[in-house]
Structure formats: C-alpha cells, structure tokens
Amino acid sequence: MARLRSALWLLALLGAAARAGDPPAPRPIAIAVDASDPTSNLFRATLEIPASPGPLRLHYPRWEPSAHAESDGIQRLSHVSMSAGSRPVAWRREERDPRTFLCDVPEGADTLTV
C-alpha cells in the first residue's frame, strides 16, 4: 500500500509542474495508474502533462499528507522516462535537489508523457 501511495504522490508531484509566469494549462493532466499486481509492489504510472516547448521543471513532493516526516518515496522511484509524441525527451535531476527533474520540451510538442 505504501508503494501505491508513493506512486500516486509521484503523479501528484509531476502533475504540479508549472513554469513561473505561464498561464494556467488549458488542458487537464491525464493520469493512469496500473496497480494490477499489488503483490509485486510495482506500480506503473503515466502522466500526460500539457506543456509548451522549452525548459520544464518537475518536482517530487518532500512531504505526503498525514506524514510526520519527509517522504522517502523518491528513493523507491525507478524507470522514469519522458517523451513528446514518439520522441524520447532527455531529462536530468537538479544537482542541488534530486527531487527536481529538468527537461526541455521539444519544438512542436504540446504534451509531455512521463
């Protein structure tokens, strides 16, 4: 159950991505979670994030609701990939904050799939 909660918080974190000064996204973020095999403790999540071309920062939350300490969910996160259309998008973690993911949305893309 803790892994499912972490997967859902990952979705919330990535879904909260925004650039300073940008108007609100005209489309909602689509979230899909595959929790069909809870005994394996593996949950797959896919986000479709409306985005415009250029730099984008995605943040994993430090705290989960009802938690009394910072979340360790980022340590259980694996196999992160990003794409725009059928093209892979390179990403990296910010040096000062490993909970921040940085990428560049390519020209012509209006959605980032994470």
N, C-alpha and C. Protein backbone atom coordinates (compact mmCIF):
# COMPACT_ATOMS: atom_id res chain seq x y z
N MET A 1 0.82 -1.19 0.00
CA MET A 1 0.00 0.00 0.00
C MET A 1 0.86 1.26 0.00
N ALA A 2 2.01 1.19 0.69
CA ALA A 2 2.90 2.35 0.74
C ALA A 2 3.43 2.67 -0.65
N ARG A 3 3.71 1.63 -1.45
CA ARG A 3 4.22 1.87 -2.80
C ARG A 3 3.14 2.51 -3.68
N LEU A 4 1.90 2.06 -3.52
CA LEU A 4 0.83 2.67 -4.30
C LEU A 4 0.69 4.13 -3.91
N ARG A 5 0.76 4.43 -2.62
CA ARG A 5 0.68 5.81 -2.16
C ARG A 5 1.83 6.63 -2.75
N SER A 6 3.03 6.04 -2.79
CA SER A 6 4.19 6.74 -3.38
C SER A 6 3.98 6.98 -4.86
N ALA A 7 3.43 5.98 -5.56
CA ALA A 7 3.18 6.14 -6.99
C ALA A 7 2.17 7.25 -7.24
N LEU A 8 1.14 7.30 -6.41
CA LEU A 8 0.13 8.35 -6.58
C LEU A 8 0.70 9.72 -6.26
N TRP A 9 1.61 9.79 -5.26
CA TRP A 9 2.22 11.08 -4.96
C TRP A 9 3.19 11.50 -6.04
N LEU A 10 3.82 10.53 -6.69
CA LEU A 10 4.67 10.87 -7.83
C LEU A 10 3.82 11.55 -8.89
N LEU A 11 2.65 10.99 -9.14
CA LEU A 11 1.75 11.58 -10.12
C LEU A 11 1.37 13.00 -9.71
N ALA A 12 1.05 13.17 -8.45
CA ALA A 12 0.67 14.49 -7.98
C ALA A 12 1.83 15.47 -8.12
N LEU A 13 3.01 15.01 -7.78
CA LEU A 13 4.20 15.86 -7.88
C LEU A 13 4.44 16.29 -9.31
N LEU A 14 4.49 15.34 -10.18
CA LEU A 14 4.79 15.67 -11.56
C LEU A 14 3.66 16.48 -12.18
N GLY A 15 2.45 16.20 -11.74
CA GLY A 15 1.32 16.93 -12.25
C GLY A 15 1.29 18.37 -11.82
N ALA A 16 2.00 18.70 -10.76
CA ALA A 16 2.00 20.07 -10.26
C ALA A 16 3.05 20.93 -10.94
N ALA A 17 3.69 20.38 -11.97
CA ALA A 17 4.75 21.12 -12.66
C ALA A 17 4.18 22.35 -13.35
N ALA A 18 4.91 23.44 -13.23
CA ALA A 18 4.49 24.66 -13.91
C ALA A 18 5.70 25.58 -14.04
N ARG A 19 5.68 26.39 -15.07
CA ARG A 19 6.72 27.40 -15.23
C ARG A 19 6.21 28.72 -14.67
N ALA A 20 7.08 29.44 -14.00
CA ALA A 20 6.69 30.74 -13.43
C ALA A 20 6.28 31.67 -14.56
N GLY A 21 5.16 32.32 -14.39
CA GLY A 21 4.71 33.29 -15.37
C GLY A 21 3.83 32.71 -16.47
N ASP A 22 3.76 31.39 -16.59
CA ASP A 22 2.91 30.78 -17.61
C ASP A 22 1.45 30.87 -17.17
N PRO A 23 0.53 31.04 -18.11
CA PRO A 23 -0.88 30.99 -17.74
C PRO A 23 -1.26 29.56 -17.36
N PRO A 24 -2.37 29.38 -16.68
CA PRO A 24 -2.79 28.02 -16.32
C PRO A 24 -2.93 27.14 -17.56
N ALA A 25 -2.64 25.86 -17.39
CA ALA A 25 -2.72 24.92 -18.51
C ALA A 25 -4.15 24.86 -19.03
N PRO A 26 -4.34 24.92 -20.34
CA PRO A 26 -5.69 24.89 -20.90
C PRO A 26 -6.31 23.49 -20.86
N ARG A 27 -5.47 22.47 -20.66
CA ARG A 27 -5.98 21.10 -20.61
C ARG A 27 -5.59 20.48 -19.28
N PRO A 28 -6.39 19.54 -18.79
CA PRO A 28 -6.03 18.87 -17.54
C PRO A 28 -4.89 17.88 -17.77
N ILE A 29 -4.24 17.52 -16.70
CA ILE A 29 -3.21 16.48 -16.73
C ILE A 29 -3.93 15.14 -16.65
N ALA A 30 -3.61 14.24 -17.57
CA ALA A 30 -4.20 12.90 -17.57
C ALA A 30 -3.27 11.97 -16.80
N ILE A 31 -3.86 11.19 -15.89
CA ILE A 31 -3.08 10.28 -15.05
C ILE A 31 -3.66 8.88 -15.19
N ALA A 32 -2.77 7.89 -15.42
CA ALA A 32 -3.17 6.49 -15.46
C ALA A 32 -2.24 5.70 -14.55
N VAL A 33 -2.82 4.85 -13.70
CA VAL A 33 -2.03 4.03 -12.79
C VAL A 33 -2.38 2.57 -13.03
N ASP A 34 -1.35 1.73 -13.21
CA ASP A 34 -1.53 0.29 -13.33
C ASP A 34 -1.13 -0.32 -12.00
N ALA A 35 -2.13 -0.72 -11.21
CA ALA A 35 -1.88 -1.36 -9.92
C ALA A 35 -2.45 -2.78 -9.96
N SER A 36 -2.32 -3.43 -11.13
CA SER A 36 -2.93 -4.73 -11.33
C SER A 36 -2.21 -5.87 -10.61
N ASP A 37 -1.00 -5.65 -10.13
CA ASP A 37 -0.26 -6.69 -9.43
C ASP A 37 0.32 -6.13 -8.13
N PRO A 38 -0.54 -5.87 -7.13
CA PRO A 38 -0.06 -5.24 -5.91
C PRO A 38 0.89 -6.12 -5.10
N THR A 39 0.85 -7.42 -5.31
CA THR A 39 1.74 -8.30 -4.55
C THR A 39 3.20 -8.10 -4.94
N SER A 40 3.46 -7.59 -6.14
CA SER A 40 4.84 -7.35 -6.58
C SER A 40 5.40 -6.04 -6.04
N ASN A 41 4.52 -5.20 -5.47
CA ASN A 41 4.91 -3.87 -5.00
C ASN A 41 5.43 -3.00 -6.13
N LEU A 42 5.02 -3.29 -7.36
CA LEU A 42 5.36 -2.46 -8.52
C LEU A 42 4.10 -1.82 -9.05
N PHE A 43 4.13 -0.52 -9.19
CA PHE A 43 3.01 0.21 -9.74
C PHE A 43 3.53 1.08 -10.85
N ARG A 44 2.82 1.10 -11.95
CA ARG A 44 3.23 1.91 -13.09
C ARG A 44 2.27 3.07 -13.24
N ALA A 45 2.85 4.22 -13.44
CA ALA A 45 2.04 5.43 -13.57
C ALA A 45 2.47 6.16 -14.83
N THR A 46 1.51 6.72 -15.53
CA THR A 46 1.78 7.50 -16.73
C THR A 46 1.03 8.82 -16.61
N LEU A 47 1.74 9.90 -16.88
CA LEU A 47 1.12 11.23 -16.88
C LEU A 47 1.22 11.82 -18.27
N GLU A 48 0.19 12.47 -18.70
CA GLU A 48 0.18 13.27 -19.93
C GLU A 48 0.04 14.72 -19.47
N ILE A 49 1.16 15.45 -19.51
CA ILE A 49 1.20 16.81 -18.97
C ILE A 49 1.17 17.81 -20.11
N PRO A 50 0.16 18.70 -20.17
CA PRO A 50 0.20 19.76 -21.18
C PRO A 50 1.46 20.60 -20.97
N ALA A 51 2.16 20.86 -22.04
CA ALA A 51 3.42 21.60 -21.93
C ALA A 51 3.66 22.38 -23.20
N SER A 52 4.43 23.43 -23.07
CA SER A 52 4.84 24.19 -24.25
C SER A 52 6.35 23.99 -24.42
N PRO A 53 6.86 24.18 -25.63
CA PRO A 53 8.29 23.97 -25.86
C PRO A 53 9.15 24.83 -24.95
N GLY A 54 10.27 24.24 -24.53
CA GLY A 54 11.21 24.96 -23.68
C GLY A 54 11.51 24.21 -22.41
N PRO A 55 12.26 24.82 -21.50
CA PRO A 55 12.65 24.18 -20.25
C PRO A 55 11.44 23.90 -19.36
N LEU A 56 11.47 22.76 -18.68
CA LEU A 56 10.38 22.38 -17.78
C LEU A 56 10.99 21.75 -16.53
N ARG A 57 10.46 22.12 -15.37
CA ARG A 57 10.92 21.56 -14.08
C ARG A 57 9.75 20.80 -13.48
N LEU A 58 10.02 19.57 -13.06
CA LEU A 58 9.02 18.75 -12.40
C LEU A 58 9.55 18.44 -10.99
N HIS A 59 8.67 18.54 -9.99
CA HIS A 59 9.10 18.39 -8.60
C HIS A 59 8.39 17.23 -7.92
N TYR A 60 9.15 16.39 -7.24
CA TYR A 60 8.60 15.32 -6.40
C TYR A 60 8.40 15.91 -5.01
N PRO A 61 7.24 15.68 -4.38
CA PRO A 61 6.98 16.33 -3.08
C PRO A 61 7.87 15.80 -1.96
N ARG A 62 8.24 16.69 -1.06
CA ARG A 62 9.03 16.30 0.11
C ARG A 62 8.15 15.64 1.16
N TRP A 63 6.93 16.09 1.26
CA TRP A 63 6.03 15.61 2.32
C TRP A 63 4.78 15.03 1.68
N GLU A 64 4.26 13.97 2.28
CA GLU A 64 2.97 13.40 1.89
C GLU A 64 1.96 13.79 2.96
N PRO A 65 0.70 13.97 2.58
CA PRO A 65 -0.30 14.28 3.60
C PRO A 65 -0.31 13.19 4.68
N SER A 66 -0.51 13.59 5.87
CA SER A 66 -0.56 12.75 7.07
C SER A 66 0.79 12.16 7.46
N ALA A 67 1.85 12.51 6.76
CA ALA A 67 3.19 12.04 7.14
C ALA A 67 3.77 12.97 8.19
N HIS A 68 4.57 12.42 9.07
CA HIS A 68 5.17 13.21 10.13
C HIS A 68 6.65 13.48 9.87
N ALA A 69 7.10 13.10 8.70
CA ALA A 69 8.48 13.33 8.29
C ALA A 69 8.51 13.39 6.77
N GLU A 70 9.64 13.80 6.23
CA GLU A 70 9.74 13.85 4.77
C GLU A 70 9.53 12.46 4.20
N SER A 71 8.94 12.41 3.01
CA SER A 71 8.68 11.14 2.32
C SER A 71 9.97 10.56 1.77
N ASP A 72 10.07 9.23 1.78
CA ASP A 72 11.19 8.57 1.13
C ASP A 72 10.77 8.00 -0.22
N GLY A 73 9.61 8.40 -0.71
CA GLY A 73 9.09 7.88 -1.96
C GLY A 73 10.01 8.05 -3.14
N ILE A 74 10.78 9.12 -3.18
CA ILE A 74 11.70 9.36 -4.29
C ILE A 74 12.74 8.24 -4.38
N GLN A 75 13.08 7.62 -3.26
CA GLN A 75 14.06 6.54 -3.26
C GLN A 75 13.49 5.26 -3.86
N ARG A 76 12.17 5.13 -3.88
CA ARG A 76 11.53 3.93 -4.44
C ARG A 76 11.13 4.14 -5.90
N LEU A 77 11.42 5.30 -6.44
CA LEU A 77 11.06 5.62 -7.81
C LEU A 77 12.10 5.04 -8.77
N SER A 78 11.65 4.37 -9.83
CA SER A 78 12.59 3.83 -10.81
C SER A 78 11.97 3.87 -12.20
N HIS A 79 12.81 3.70 -13.19
CA HIS A 79 12.41 3.61 -14.60
C HIS A 79 11.63 4.84 -15.08
N VAL A 80 12.11 6.01 -14.77
CA VAL A 80 11.47 7.23 -15.23
C VAL A 80 11.85 7.47 -16.69
N SER A 81 10.86 7.74 -17.50
CA SER A 81 11.13 8.09 -18.90
C SER A 81 10.18 9.21 -19.30
N MET A 82 10.63 10.03 -20.24
CA MET A 82 9.82 11.14 -20.73
C MET A 82 9.86 11.12 -22.24
N SER A 83 8.73 11.52 -22.84
CA SER A 83 8.67 11.60 -24.30
C SER A 83 7.67 12.67 -24.71
N ALA A 84 7.83 13.11 -25.94
CA ALA A 84 6.91 14.07 -26.55
C ALA A 84 6.55 13.47 -27.90
N GLY A 85 5.30 13.06 -28.06
CA GLY A 85 4.94 12.31 -29.26
C GLY A 85 5.65 10.97 -29.19
N SER A 86 6.33 10.62 -30.23
CA SER A 86 7.08 9.36 -30.24
C SER A 86 8.57 9.59 -29.97
N ARG A 87 8.95 10.83 -29.69
CA ARG A 87 10.36 11.16 -29.47
C ARG A 87 10.70 11.15 -27.99
N PRO A 88 11.79 10.44 -27.63
CA PRO A 88 12.22 10.49 -26.23
C PRO A 88 12.72 11.89 -25.87
N VAL A 89 12.50 12.27 -24.63
CA VAL A 89 12.97 13.56 -24.13
C VAL A 89 14.00 13.29 -23.04
N ALA A 90 15.20 13.81 -23.22
CA ALA A 90 16.25 13.65 -22.21
C ALA A 90 15.89 14.46 -20.97
N TRP A 91 16.20 13.91 -19.81
CA TRP A 91 15.95 14.60 -18.56
C TRP A 91 17.13 14.34 -17.62
N ARG A 92 17.21 15.19 -16.59
CA ARG A 92 18.24 15.00 -15.57
C ARG A 92 17.68 15.53 -14.26
N ARG A 93 18.33 15.14 -13.17
CA ARG A 93 17.94 15.66 -11.87
C ARG A 93 18.77 16.90 -11.58
N GLU A 94 18.17 17.83 -10.89
CA GLU A 94 18.89 19.03 -10.49
C GLU A 94 19.95 18.65 -9.45
N GLU A 95 21.13 19.21 -9.57
CA GLU A 95 22.23 18.85 -8.66
C GLU A 95 21.92 19.16 -7.20
N ARG A 96 21.34 20.32 -6.95
CA ARG A 96 21.08 20.73 -5.57
C ARG A 96 19.87 20.06 -4.95
N ASP A 97 18.94 19.60 -5.78
CA ASP A 97 17.72 18.98 -5.26
C ASP A 97 17.36 17.77 -6.13
N PRO A 98 17.68 16.55 -5.70
CA PRO A 98 17.41 15.37 -6.52
C PRO A 98 15.93 15.08 -6.70
N ARG A 99 15.06 15.84 -6.03
CA ARG A 99 13.61 15.68 -6.22
C ARG A 99 13.10 16.52 -7.40
N THR A 100 13.99 17.27 -8.02
CA THR A 100 13.61 18.11 -9.15
C THR A 100 14.15 17.51 -10.44
N PHE A 101 13.26 17.30 -11.39
CA PHE A 101 13.61 16.75 -12.70
C PHE A 101 13.56 17.88 -13.72
N LEU A 102 14.59 17.98 -14.54
CA LEU A 102 14.69 19.03 -15.55
C LEU A 102 14.66 18.40 -16.94
N CYS A 103 13.95 19.03 -17.85
CA CYS A 103 13.94 18.57 -19.24
C CYS A 103 13.64 19.76 -20.15
N ASP A 104 13.82 19.55 -21.45
CA ASP A 104 13.45 20.55 -22.45
C ASP A 104 12.39 19.94 -23.34
N VAL A 105 11.21 20.53 -23.34
CA VAL A 105 10.13 20.08 -24.21
C VAL A 105 10.48 20.53 -25.63
N PRO A 106 10.49 19.59 -26.61
CA PRO A 106 10.91 19.96 -27.96
C PRO A 106 9.89 20.84 -28.69
N GLU A 107 10.39 21.56 -29.67
CA GLU A 107 9.52 22.40 -30.51
C GLU A 107 8.43 21.54 -31.14
N GLY A 108 7.24 22.09 -31.22
CA GLY A 108 6.11 21.41 -31.85
C GLY A 108 5.34 20.50 -30.90
N ALA A 109 5.87 20.27 -29.71
CA ALA A 109 5.20 19.39 -28.74
C ALA A 109 4.23 20.21 -27.89
N ASP A 110 3.08 19.61 -27.55
CA ASP A 110 2.15 20.28 -26.65
C ASP A 110 1.83 19.41 -25.44
N THR A 111 2.44 18.20 -25.38
CA THR A 111 2.22 17.29 -24.27
C THR A 111 3.52 16.56 -23.95
N LEU A 112 3.81 16.43 -22.68
CA LEU A 112 4.95 15.65 -22.22
C LEU A 112 4.39 14.41 -21.54
N THR A 113 4.83 13.23 -21.98
CA THR A 113 4.42 11.98 -21.37
C THR A 113 5.52 11.53 -20.41
N VAL A 114 5.14 11.29 -19.16
CA VAL A 114 6.09 10.87 -18.13
C VAL A 114 5.64 9.53 -17.59
